[in-house]
Amino acid sequence: MEYVVIETGGKQYRAKPGDVIEIDRVEGSNGSLSFKRVLLYVADGDVKIGKPYVSGITVEGKILEQARGKKIRVARFTAKSRHRRVIGFRPSLTRVQIGKISSQSKVK
């Protein structure tokens, strides 16, 4: 089984070919996308850990859609003063299908 851990938008995602992941919004529409910040590469028991990134590995992806996530409600409350405030946050997301994991050269 081959999979990688990639970093994008300050977050880390575990992905393998064929997976569909939701990441923070990336500019572009229904095009290709490549991830070069690979933190971990595993293929058939062979493990490569980056310091901080694994060199020579790129992950190709395809943008499926730009979407909005589920709304998150945050409530603030101050005791004994009848003060309540509710605010919301709805993230902008990009849905990406992971294509192939390719190595440019032999991974060190």
PDB file of N, CA and C in Angstrom:
ATOM      1  N   MET A   1       0.841  -1.171   0.000  1.00  0.00           N
ATOM      2  CA  MET A   1       0.000   0.000   0.000  1.00  0.00           C
ATOM      3  C   MET A   1       0.892   1.243   0.000  1.00  0.00           C
ATOM      4  N   GLU A   2       0.587   2.160  -0.883  1.00  0.00           N
ATOM      5  CA  GLU A   2       1.375   3.376  -1.028  1.00  0.00           C
ATOM      6  C   GLU A   2       0.539   4.556  -0.540  1.00  0.00           C
ATOM      7  N   TYR A   3       1.131   5.363   0.352  1.00  0.00           N
ATOM      8  CA  TYR A   3       0.459   6.578   0.787  1.00  0.00           C
ATOM      9  C   TYR A   3       1.490   7.612   1.196  1.00  0.00           C
ATOM     10  N   VAL A   4       1.027   8.854   1.316  1.00  0.00           N
ATOM     11  CA  VAL A   4       1.885   9.973   1.694  1.00  0.00           C
ATOM     12  C   VAL A   4       1.160  10.827   2.717  1.00  0.00           C
ATOM     13  N   VAL A   5       1.943  11.625   3.429  1.00  0.00           N
ATOM     14  CA  VAL A   5       1.394  12.674   4.274  1.00  0.00           C
ATOM     15  C   VAL A   5       1.878  13.979   3.664  1.00  0.00           C
ATOM     16  N   ILE A   6       0.909  14.816   3.244  1.00  0.00           N
ATOM     17  CA  ILE A   6       1.257  16.079   2.599  1.00  0.00           C
ATOM     18  C   ILE A   6       0.862  17.236   3.501  1.00  0.00           C
ATOM     19  N   GLU A   7       1.497  18.380   3.269  1.00  0.00           N
ATOM     20  CA  GLU A   7       1.187  19.583   4.030  1.00  0.00           C
ATOM     21  C   GLU A   7       0.686  20.647   3.058  1.00  0.00           C
ATOM     22  N   THR A   8      -0.464  21.220   3.366  1.00  0.00           N
ATOM     23  CA  THR A   8      -1.002  22.327   2.588  1.00  0.00           C
ATOM     24  C   THR A   8      -1.912  23.154   3.483  1.00  0.00           C
ATOM     25  N   GLY A   9      -1.786  24.455   3.377  1.00  0.00           N
ATOM     26  CA  GLY A   9      -2.620  25.343   4.186  1.00  0.00           C
ATOM     27  C   GLY A   9      -2.343  25.244   5.671  1.00  0.00           C
ATOM     28  N   GLY A  10      -1.131  24.838   6.052  1.00  0.00           N
ATOM     29  CA  GLY A  10      -0.789  24.716   7.459  1.00  0.00           C
ATOM     30  C   GLY A  10      -1.333  23.467   8.123  1.00  0.00           C
ATOM     31  N   LYS A  11      -1.920  22.569   7.347  1.00  0.00           N
ATOM     32  CA  LYS A  11      -2.484  21.340   7.892  1.00  0.00           C
ATOM     33  C   LYS A  11      -1.868  20.147   7.172  1.00  0.00           C
ATOM     34  N   GLN A  12      -1.973  18.975   7.788  1.00  0.00           N
ATOM     35  CA  GLN A  12      -1.404  17.765   7.225  1.00  0.00           C
ATOM     36  C   GLN A  12      -2.523  16.793   6.865  1.00  0.00           C
ATOM     37  N   TYR A  13      -2.355  16.119   5.725  1.00  0.00           N
ATOM     38  CA  TYR A  13      -3.361  15.193   5.240  1.00  0.00           C
ATOM     39  C   TYR A  13      -2.687  13.892   4.812  1.00  0.00           C
ATOM     40  N   ARG A  14      -3.304  12.766   5.177  1.00  0.00           N
ATOM     41  CA  ARG A  14      -2.828  11.453   4.723  1.00  0.00           C
ATOM     42  C   ARG A  14      -3.609  11.119   3.465  1.00  0.00           C
ATOM     43  N   ALA A  15      -2.900  10.775   2.405  1.00  0.00           N
ATOM     44  CA  ALA A  15      -3.570  10.540   1.132  1.00  0.00           C
ATOM     45  C   ALA A  15      -2.925   9.377   0.396  1.00  0.00           C
ATOM     46  N   LYS A  16      -3.741   8.678  -0.358  1.00  0.00           N
ATOM     47  CA  LYS A  16      -3.261   7.626  -1.240  1.00  0.00           C
ATOM     48  C   LYS A  16      -3.932   7.835  -2.597  1.00  0.00           C
ATOM     49  N   PRO A  17      -3.410   7.252  -3.660  1.00  0.00           N
ATOM     50  CA  PRO A  17      -4.000   7.466  -4.976  1.00  0.00           C
ATOM     51  C   PRO A  17      -5.477   7.075  -5.009  1.00  0.00           C
ATOM     52  N   GLY A  18      -6.299   7.984  -5.555  1.00  0.00           N
ATOM     53  CA  GLY A  18      -7.735   7.737  -5.643  1.00  0.00           C
ATOM     54  C   GLY A  18      -8.548   8.381  -4.536  1.00  0.00           C
ATOM     55  N   ASP A  19      -7.906   8.836  -3.455  1.00  0.00           N
ATOM     56  CA  ASP A  19      -8.627   9.476  -2.359  1.00  0.00           C
ATOM     57  C   ASP A  19      -9.155  10.843  -2.768  1.00  0.00           C
ATOM     58  N   VAL A  20     -10.268  11.240  -2.153  1.00  0.00           N
ATOM     59  CA  VAL A  20     -10.815  12.587  -2.318  1.00  0.00           C
ATOM     60  C   VAL A  20     -10.711  13.262  -0.962  1.00  0.00           C
ATOM     61  N   ILE A  21      -9.972  14.383  -0.889  1.00  0.00           N
ATOM     62  CA  ILE A  21      -9.786  15.091   0.367  1.00  0.00           C
ATOM     63  C   ILE A  21     -10.279  16.528   0.228  1.00  0.00           C
ATOM     64  N   GLU A  22     -10.675  17.113   1.348  1.00  0.00           N
ATOM     65  CA  GLU A  22     -11.090  18.511   1.380  1.00  0.00           C
ATOM     66  C   GLU A  22     -10.004  19.309   2.077  1.00  0.00           C
ATOM     67  N   ILE A  23      -9.446  20.298   1.373  1.00  0.00           N
ATOM     68  CA  ILE A  23      -8.387  21.133   1.911  1.00  0.00           C
ATOM     69  C   ILE A  23      -8.859  22.571   1.940  1.00  0.00           C
ATOM     70  N   ASP A  24      -8.110  23.443   2.620  1.00  0.00           N
ATOM     71  CA  ASP A  24      -8.425  24.864   2.592  1.00  0.00           C
ATOM     72  C   ASP A  24      -8.382  25.356   1.152  1.00  0.00           C
ATOM     73  N   ARG A  25      -9.163  26.379   0.872  1.00  0.00           N
ATOM     74  CA  ARG A  25      -9.336  26.850  -0.502  1.00  0.00           C
ATOM     75  C   ARG A  25      -8.007  27.154  -1.196  1.00  0.00           C
ATOM     76  N   VAL A  26      -7.889  26.622  -2.417  1.00  0.00           N
ATOM     77  CA  VAL A  26      -6.750  26.853  -3.285  1.00  0.00           C
ATOM     78  C   VAL A  26      -7.311  27.476  -4.561  1.00  0.00           C
ATOM     79  N   GLU A  27      -6.687  28.545  -5.031  1.00  0.00           N
ATOM     80  CA  GLU A  27      -7.177  29.201  -6.241  1.00  0.00           C
ATOM     81  C   GLU A  27      -7.076  28.266  -7.433  1.00  0.00           C
ATOM     82  N   GLY A  28      -8.074  28.329  -8.287  1.00  0.00           N
ATOM     83  CA  GLY A  28      -8.104  27.498  -9.485  1.00  0.00           C
ATOM     84  C   GLY A  28      -9.469  26.870  -9.635  1.00  0.00           C
ATOM     85  N   SER A  29      -9.750  26.422 -10.840  1.00  0.00           N
ATOM     86  CA  SER A  29     -11.027  25.772 -11.088  1.00  0.00           C
ATOM     87  C   SER A  29     -10.805  24.531 -11.937  1.00  0.00           C
ATOM     88  N   ASN A  30     -11.293  23.438 -11.479  1.00  0.00           N
ATOM     89  CA  ASN A  30     -11.260  22.156 -12.187  1.00  0.00           C
ATOM     90  C   ASN A  30      -9.987  21.938 -13.005  1.00  0.00           C
ATOM     91  N   GLY A  31      -8.866  22.119 -12.382  1.00  0.00           N
ATOM     92  CA  GLY A  31      -7.588  21.918 -13.051  1.00  0.00           C
ATOM     93  C   GLY A  31      -6.728  20.948 -12.275  1.00  0.00           C
ATOM     94  N   SER A  32      -5.467  20.930 -12.617  1.00  0.00           N
ATOM     95  CA  SER A  32      -4.545  20.043 -11.919  1.00  0.00           C
ATOM     96  C   SER A  32      -3.812  20.821 -10.835  1.00  0.00           C
ATOM     97  N   LEU A  33      -3.307  20.095  -9.879  1.00  0.00           N
ATOM     98  CA  LEU A  33      -2.658  20.677  -8.717  1.00  0.00           C
ATOM     99  C   LEU A  33      -1.555  19.715  -8.300  1.00  0.00           C
ATOM    100  N   SER A  34      -0.409  20.250  -7.878  1.00  0.00           N
ATOM    101  CA  SER A  34       0.650  19.353  -7.408  1.00  0.00           C
ATOM    102  C   SER A  34       1.102  19.792  -6.022  1.00  0.00           C
ATOM    103  N   PHE A  35       1.365  18.808  -5.189  1.00  0.00           N
ATOM    104  CA  PHE A  35       1.812  19.036  -3.828  1.00  0.00           C
ATOM    105  C   PHE A  35       3.275  18.627  -3.749  1.00  0.00           C
ATOM    106  N   LYS A  36       4.134  19.553  -3.351  1.00  0.00           N
ATOM    107  CA  LYS A  36       5.563  19.255  -3.242  1.00  0.00           C
ATOM    108  C   LYS A  36       6.020  19.123  -1.798  1.00  0.00           C
ATOM    109  N   ARG A  37       5.170  19.536  -0.860  1.00  0.00           N
ATOM    110  CA  ARG A  37       5.517  19.433   0.561  1.00  0.00           C
ATOM    111  C   ARG A  37       5.058  18.077   1.089  1.00  0.00           C
ATOM    112  N   VAL A  38       5.880  17.080   0.889  1.00  0.00           N
ATOM    113  CA  VAL A  38       5.581  15.715   1.331  1.00  0.00           C
ATOM    114  C   VAL A  38       6.382  15.450   2.602  1.00  0.00           C
ATOM    115  N   LEU A  39       5.684  15.131   3.674  1.00  0.00           N
ATOM    116  CA  LEU A  39       6.325  14.902   4.969  1.00  0.00           C
ATOM    117  C   LEU A  39       6.702  13.441   5.188  1.00  0.00           C
ATOM    118  N   LEU A  40       5.927  12.522   4.607  1.00  0.00           N
ATOM    119  CA  LEU A  40       6.130  11.093   4.810  1.00  0.00           C
ATOM    120  C   LEU A  40       5.739  10.354   3.539  1.00  0.00           C
ATOM    121  N   TYR A  41       6.538   9.367   3.162  1.00  0.00           N
ATOM    122  CA  TYR A  41       6.248   8.547   1.989  1.00  0.00           C
ATOM    123  C   TYR A  41       6.393   7.080   2.382  1.00  0.00           C
ATOM    124  N   VAL A  42       5.341   6.297   2.152  1.00  0.00           N
ATOM    125  CA  VAL A  42       5.352   4.872   2.486  1.00  0.00           C
ATOM    126  C   VAL A  42       4.923   4.095   1.250  1.00  0.00           C
ATOM    127  N   ALA A  43       5.741   3.115   0.857  1.00  0.00           N
ATOM    128  CA  ALA A  43       5.399   2.258  -0.273  1.00  0.00           C
ATOM    129  C   ALA A  43       5.937   0.862  -0.012  1.00  0.00           C
ATOM    130  N   ASP A  44       5.042  -0.102   0.122  1.00  0.00           N
ATOM    131  CA  ASP A  44       5.404  -1.512   0.305  1.00  0.00           C
ATOM    132  C   ASP A  44       6.424  -1.725   1.426  1.00  0.00           C
ATOM    133  N   GLY A  45       6.206  -1.118   2.566  1.00  0.00           N
ATOM    134  CA  GLY A  45       7.096  -1.292   3.711  1.00  0.00           C
ATOM    135  C   GLY A  45       8.310  -0.393   3.696  1.00  0.00           C
ATOM    136  N   ASP A  46       8.526   0.342   2.625  1.00  0.00           N
ATOM    137  CA  ASP A  46       9.644   1.280   2.525  1.00  0.00           C
ATOM    138  C   ASP A  46       9.157   2.636   3.025  1.00  0.00           C
ATOM    139  N   VAL A  47       9.737   3.131   4.113  1.00  0.00           N
ATOM    140  CA  VAL A  47       9.290   4.367   4.746  1.00  0.00           C
ATOM    141  C   VAL A  47      10.360   5.439   4.594  1.00  0.00           C
ATOM    142  N   LYS A  48       9.954   6.594   4.083  1.00  0.00           N
ATOM    143  CA  LYS A  48      10.853   7.745   3.968  1.00  0.00           C
ATOM    144  C   LYS A  48      10.253   8.891   4.768  1.00  0.00           C
ATOM    145  N   ILE A  49      11.004   9.392   5.740  1.00  0.00           N
ATOM    146  CA  ILE A  49      10.561  10.495   6.585  1.00  0.00           C
ATOM    147  C   ILE A  49      11.370  11.723   6.214  1.00  0.00           C
ATOM    148  N   GLY A  50      10.691  12.836   5.987  1.00  0.00           N
ATOM    149  CA  GLY A  50      11.362  14.061   5.570  1.00  0.00           C
ATOM    150  C   GLY A  50      11.929  14.838   6.728  1.00  0.00           C
ATOM    151  N   LYS A  51      12.893  15.685   6.423  1.00  0.00           N
ATOM    152  CA  LYS A  51      13.540  16.541   7.424  1.00  0.00           C
ATOM    153  C   LYS A  51      13.582  17.970   6.916  1.00  0.00           C
ATOM    154  N   PRO A  52      12.553  18.742   6.821  1.00  0.00           N
ATOM    155  CA  PRO A  52      11.152  18.441   7.121  1.00  0.00           C
ATOM    156  C   PRO A  52      10.394  17.821   5.961  1.00  0.00           C
ATOM    157  N   TYR A  53      10.908  17.912   4.710  1.00  0.00           N
ATOM    158  CA  TYR A  53      10.192  17.371   3.569  1.00  0.00           C
ATOM    159  C   TYR A  53      11.028  16.300   2.876  1.00  0.00           C
ATOM    160  N   VAL A  54      10.337  15.348   2.244  1.00  0.00           N
ATOM    161  CA  VAL A  54      11.000  14.314   1.465  1.00  0.00           C
ATOM    162  C   VAL A  54      11.293  14.908   0.091  1.00  0.00           C
ATOM    163  N   SER A  55      12.534  14.886  -0.324  1.00  0.00           N
ATOM    164  CA  SER A  55      12.890  15.468  -1.614  1.00  0.00           C
ATOM    165  C   SER A  55      12.628  14.476  -2.743  1.00  0.00           C
ATOM    166  N   GLY A  56      12.220  15.010  -3.885  1.00  0.00           N
ATOM    167  CA  GLY A  56      12.027  14.183  -5.063  1.00  0.00           C
ATOM    168  C   GLY A  56      10.666  13.538  -5.191  1.00  0.00           C
ATOM    169  N   ILE A  57       9.748  13.779  -4.292  1.00  0.00           N
ATOM    170  CA  ILE A  57       8.410  13.186  -4.353  1.00  0.00           C
ATOM    171  C   ILE A  57       7.400  14.302  -4.600  1.00  0.00           C
ATOM    172  N   THR A  58       6.542  14.119  -5.594  1.00  0.00           N
ATOM    173  CA  THR A  58       5.441  15.047  -5.839  1.00  0.00           C
ATOM    174  C   THR A  58       4.148  14.257  -5.935  1.00  0.00           C
ATOM    175  N   VAL A  59       3.075  14.884  -5.514  1.00  0.00           N
ATOM    176  CA  VAL A  59       1.760  14.259  -5.539  1.00  0.00           C
ATOM    177  C   VAL A  59       0.886  15.073  -6.478  1.00  0.00           C
ATOM    178  N   GLU A  60       0.328  14.415  -7.478  1.00  0.00           N
ATOM    179  CA  GLU A  60      -0.542  15.091  -8.436  1.00  0.00           C
ATOM    180  C   GLU A  60      -1.986  14.964  -7.970  1.00  0.00           C
ATOM    181  N   GLY A  61      -2.744  16.052  -8.144  1.00  0.00           N
ATOM    182  CA  GLY A  61      -4.138  16.045  -7.771  1.00  0.00           C
ATOM    183  C   GLY A  61      -4.980  16.771  -8.796  1.00  0.00           C
ATOM    184  N   LYS A  62      -6.284  16.544  -8.737  1.00  0.00           N
ATOM    185  CA  LYS A  62      -7.217  17.182  -9.651  1.00  0.00           C
ATOM    186  C   LYS A  62      -8.284  17.878  -8.823  1.00  0.00           C
ATOM    187  N   ILE A  63      -8.506  19.170  -9.095  1.00  0.00           N
ATOM    188  CA  ILE A  63      -9.526  19.928  -8.367  1.00  0.00           C
ATOM    189  C   ILE A  63     -10.894  19.513  -8.889  1.00  0.00           C
ATOM    190  N   LEU A  64     -11.735  19.014  -7.993  1.00  0.00           N
ATOM    191  CA  LEU A  64     -13.079  18.600  -8.376  1.00  0.00           C
ATOM    192  C   LEU A  64     -14.076  19.749  -8.254  1.00  0.00           C
ATOM    193  N   GLU A  65     -14.022  20.469  -7.115  1.00  0.00           N
ATOM    194  CA  GLU A  65     -14.948  21.580  -6.920  1.00  0.00           C
ATOM    195  C   GLU A  65     -14.483  22.503  -5.812  1.00  0.00           C
ATOM    196  N   GLN A  66     -14.983  23.723  -5.866  1.00  0.00           N
ATOM    197  CA  GLN A  66     -14.799  24.697  -4.801  1.00  0.00           C
ATOM    198  C   GLN A  66     -16.112  24.718  -4.030  1.00  0.00           C
ATOM    199  N   ALA A  67     -16.076  24.528  -2.728  1.00  0.00           N
ATOM    200  CA  ALA A  67     -17.302  24.408  -1.949  1.00  0.00           C
ATOM    201  C   ALA A  67     -17.159  25.130  -0.618  1.00  0.00           C
ATOM    202  N   ARG A  68     -18.273  25.244   0.072  1.00  0.00           N
ATOM    203  CA  ARG A  68     -18.286  25.803   1.419  1.00  0.00           C
ATOM    204  C   ARG A  68     -18.548  24.668   2.397  1.00  0.00           C
ATOM    205  N   GLY A  69     -17.887  24.733   3.544  1.00  0.00           N
ATOM    206  CA  GLY A  69     -18.037  23.691   4.550  1.00  0.00           C
ATOM    207  C   GLY A  69     -19.259  23.928   5.429  1.00  0.00           C
ATOM    208  N   LYS A  70     -19.403  23.072   6.405  1.00  0.00           N
ATOM    209  CA  LYS A  70     -20.502  23.174   7.356  1.00  0.00           C
ATOM    210  C   LYS A  70     -20.266  24.353   8.290  1.00  0.00           C
ATOM    211  N   LYS A  71     -21.320  25.071   8.640  1.00  0.00           N
ATOM    212  CA  LYS A  71     -21.190  26.243   9.492  1.00  0.00           C
ATOM    213  C   LYS A  71     -20.871  25.830  10.926  1.00  0.00           C
ATOM    214  N   ILE A  72     -19.906  26.536  11.504  1.00  0.00           N
ATOM    215  CA  ILE A  72     -19.496  26.303  12.884  1.00  0.00           C
ATOM    216  C   ILE A  72     -20.020  27.468  13.711  1.00  0.00           C
ATOM    217  N   ARG A  73     -20.739  27.179  14.770  1.00  0.00           N
ATOM    218  CA  ARG A  73     -21.294  28.231  15.628  1.00  0.00           C
ATOM    219  C   ARG A  73     -20.468  28.329  16.903  1.00  0.00           C
ATOM    220  N   VAL A  74     -20.083  29.564  17.243  1.00  0.00           N
ATOM    221  CA  VAL A  74     -19.277  29.819  18.432  1.00  0.00           C
ATOM    222  C   VAL A  74     -20.074  30.745  19.342  1.00  0.00           C
ATOM    223  N   ALA A  75     -20.306  30.312  20.582  1.00  0.00           N
ATOM    224  CA  ALA A  75     -21.086  31.101  21.529  1.00  0.00           C
ATOM    225  C   ALA A  75     -20.175  31.669  22.612  1.00  0.00           C
ATOM    226  N   ARG A  76     -20.337  32.957  22.886  1.00  0.00           N
ATOM    227  CA  ARG A  76     -19.598  33.603  23.974  1.00  0.00           C
ATOM    228  C   ARG A  76     -20.609  33.963  25.051  1.00  0.00           C
ATOM    229  N   PHE A  77     -20.211  33.769  26.287  1.00  0.00           N
ATOM    230  CA  PHE A  77     -21.131  33.951  27.403  1.00  0.00           C
ATOM    231  C   PHE A  77     -20.386  34.587  28.567  1.00  0.00           C
ATOM    232  N   THR A  78     -20.964  35.619  29.129  1.00  0.00           N
ATOM    233  CA  THR A  78     -20.412  36.240  30.332  1.00  0.00           C
ATOM    234  C   THR A  78     -21.413  36.019  31.468  1.00  0.00           C
ATOM    235  N   ALA A  79     -20.974  35.400  32.524  1.00  0.00           N
ATOM    236  CA  ALA A  79     -21.866  35.053  33.631  1.00  0.00           C
ATOM    237  C   ALA A  79     -22.360  36.294  34.369  1.00  0.00           C
ATOM    238  N   LYS A  80     -23.583  36.226  34.833  1.00  0.00           N
ATOM    239  CA  LYS A  80     -24.221  37.227  35.705  1.00  0.00           C
ATOM    240  C   LYS A  80     -24.377  38.598  35.065  1.00  0.00           C
ATOM    241  N   SER A  81     -24.273  38.713  33.760  1.00  0.00           N
ATOM    242  CA  SER A  81     -24.463  40.027  33.146  1.00  0.00           C
ATOM    243  C   SER A  81     -25.442  39.993  31.972  1.00  0.00           C
ATOM    244  N   ARG A  82     -26.073  38.852  31.752  1.00  0.00           N
ATOM    245  CA  ARG A  82     -27.030  38.665  30.663  1.00  0.00           C
ATOM    246  C   ARG A  82     -26.426  38.977  29.294  1.00  0.00           C
ATOM    247  N   HIS A  83     -25.147  38.681  29.147  1.00  0.00           N
ATOM    248  CA  HIS A  83     -24.466  38.938  27.882  1.00  0.00           C
ATOM    249  C   HIS A  83     -24.222  37.622  27.157  1.00  0.00           C
ATOM    250  N   ARG A  84     -24.795  37.515  25.972  1.00  0.00           N
ATOM    251  CA  ARG A  84     -24.583  36.336  25.131  1.00  0.00           C
ATOM    252  C   ARG A  84     -24.350  36.810  23.708  1.00  0.00           C
ATOM    253  N   ARG A  85     -23.439  36.145  23.023  1.00  0.00           N
ATOM    254  CA  ARG A  85     -23.175  36.500  21.640  1.00  0.00           C
ATOM    255  C   ARG A  85     -22.850  35.225  20.875  1.00  0.00           C
ATOM    256  N   VAL A  86     -23.452  35.055  19.722  1.00  0.00           N
ATOM    257  CA  VAL A  86     -23.217  33.887  18.883  1.00  0.00           C
ATOM    258  C   VAL A  86     -22.700  34.375  17.538  1.00  0.00           C
ATOM    259  N   ILE A  87     -21.552  33.843  17.140  1.00  0.00           N
ATOM    260  CA  ILE A  87     -21.012  34.152  15.826  1.00  0.00           C
ATOM    261  C   ILE A  87     -20.797  32.852  15.082  1.00  0.00           C
ATOM    262  N   GLY A  88     -20.671  32.931  13.781  1.00  0.00           N
ATOM    263  CA  GLY A  88     -20.508  31.723  12.987  1.00  0.00           C
ATOM    264  C   GLY A  88     -19.312  31.825  12.062  1.00  0.00           C
ATOM    265  N   PHE A  89     -18.892  30.669  11.578  1.00  0.00           N
ATOM    266  CA  PHE A  89     -17.781  30.593  10.638  1.00  0.00           C
ATOM    267  C   PHE A  89     -18.078  29.467   9.667  1.00  0.00           C
ATOM    268  N   ARG A  90     -17.927  29.759   8.390  1.00  0.00           N
ATOM    269  CA  ARG A  90     -18.156  28.746   7.369  1.00  0.00           C
ATOM    270  C   ARG A  90     -16.954  28.720   6.438  1.00  0.00           C
ATOM    271  N   PRO A  91     -16.139  27.661   6.517  1.00  0.00           N
ATOM    272  CA  PRO A  91     -14.887  27.638   5.745  1.00  0.00           C
ATOM    273  C   PRO A  91     -15.112  27.445   4.248  1.00  0.00           C
ATOM    274  N   SER A  92     -14.205  28.012   3.455  1.00  0.00           N
ATOM    275  CA  SER A  92     -14.169  27.776   2.017  1.00  0.00           C
ATOM    276  C   SER A  92     -13.208  26.617   1.770  1.00  0.00           C
ATOM    277  N   LEU A  93     -13.682  25.604   1.077  1.00  0.00           N
ATOM    278  CA  LEU A  93     -12.900  24.384   0.889  1.00  0.00           C
ATOM    279  C   LEU A  93     -12.731  24.065  -0.588  1.00  0.00           C
ATOM    280  N   THR A  94     -11.706  23.307  -0.878  1.00  0.00           N
ATOM    281  CA  THR A  94     -11.473  22.779  -2.216  1.00  0.00           C
ATOM    282  C   THR A  94     -11.444  21.264  -2.109  1.00  0.00           C
ATOM    283  N   ARG A  95     -12.242  20.601  -2.922  1.00  0.00           N
ATOM    284  CA  ARG A  95     -12.264  19.140  -2.927  1.00  0.00           C
ATOM    285  C   ARG A  95     -11.294  18.668  -4.014  1.00  0.00           C
ATOM    286  N   VAL A  96     -10.317  17.862  -3.609  1.00  0.00           N
ATOM    287  CA  VAL A  96      -9.244  17.414  -4.506  1.00  0.00           C
ATOM    288  C   VAL A  96      -9.206  15.892  -4.553  1.00  0.00           C
ATOM    289  N   GLN A  97      -9.083  15.356  -5.764  1.00  0.00           N
ATOM    290  CA  GLN A  97      -8.887  13.918  -5.922  1.00  0.00           C
ATOM    291  C   GLN A  97      -7.407  13.675  -6.169  1.00  0.00           C
ATOM    292  N   ILE A  98      -6.820  12.815  -5.358  1.00  0.00           N
ATOM    293  CA  ILE A  98      -5.398  12.514  -5.457  1.00  0.00           C
ATOM    294  C   ILE A  98      -5.175  11.590  -6.648  1.00  0.00           C
ATOM    295  N   GLY A  99      -4.241  11.986  -7.499  1.00  0.00           N
ATOM    296  CA  GLY A  99      -3.910  11.188  -8.685  1.00  0.00           C
ATOM    297  C   GLY A  99      -2.758  10.247  -8.387  1.00  0.00           C
ATOM    298  N   LYS A 100      -1.632  10.496  -9.025  1.00  0.00           N
ATOM    299  CA  LYS A 100      -0.497   9.606  -8.828  1.00  0.00           C
ATOM    300  C   LYS A 100       0.568  10.261  -7.938  1.00  0.00           C
ATOM    301  N   ILE A 101       1.345   9.397  -7.314  1.00  0.00           N
ATOM    302  CA  ILE A 101       2.474   9.815  -6.494  1.00  0.00           C
ATOM    303  C   ILE A 101       3.720   9.484  -7.309  1.00  0.00           C
ATOM    304  N   SER A 102       4.463  10.511  -7.661  1.00  0.00           N
ATOM    305  CA  SER A 102       5.624  10.266  -8.530  1.00  0.00           C
ATOM    306  C   SER A 102       6.905  10.725  -7.876  1.00  0.00           C
ATOM    307  N   SER A 103       7.969  10.030  -8.205  1.00  0.00           N
ATOM    308  CA  SER A 103       9.280  10.407  -7.722  1.00  0.00           C
ATOM    309  C   SER A 103      10.106  10.898  -8.899  1.00  0.00           C
ATOM    310  N   GLN A 104      10.734  12.056  -8.743  1.00  0.00           N
ATOM    311  CA  GLN A 104      11.528  12.643  -9.824  1.00  0.00           C
ATOM    312  C   GLN A 104      12.841  11.910  -9.981  1.00  0.00           C
ATOM    313  N   SER A 105      13.381  11.452  -8.894  1.00  0.00           N
ATOM    314  CA  SER A 105      14.623  10.689  -8.924  1.00  0.00           C
ATOM    315  C   SER A 105      14.565   9.666  -7.800  1.00  0.00           C
ATOM    316  N   LYS A 106      15.608   8.946  -7.622  1.00  0.00           N
ATOM    317  CA  LYS A 106      15.651   7.969  -6.533  1.00  0.00           C
ATOM    318  C   LYS A 106      15.638   8.701  -5.206  1.00  0.00           C
ATOM    319  N   VAL A 107      14.706   8.330  -4.331  1.00  0.00           N
ATOM    320  CA  VAL A 107      14.540   8.991  -3.035  1.00  0.00           C
ATOM    321  C   VAL A 107      15.671   8.594  -2.119  1.00  0.00           C
ATOM    322  N   LYS A 108      16.286   9.611  -1.486  1.00  0.00           N
ATOM    323  CA  LYS A 108      17.408   9.351  -0.577  1.00  0.00           C
ATOM    324  C   LYS A 108      16.903   9.065   0.805  1.00  0.00           C
TER     325      LYS A 108
END
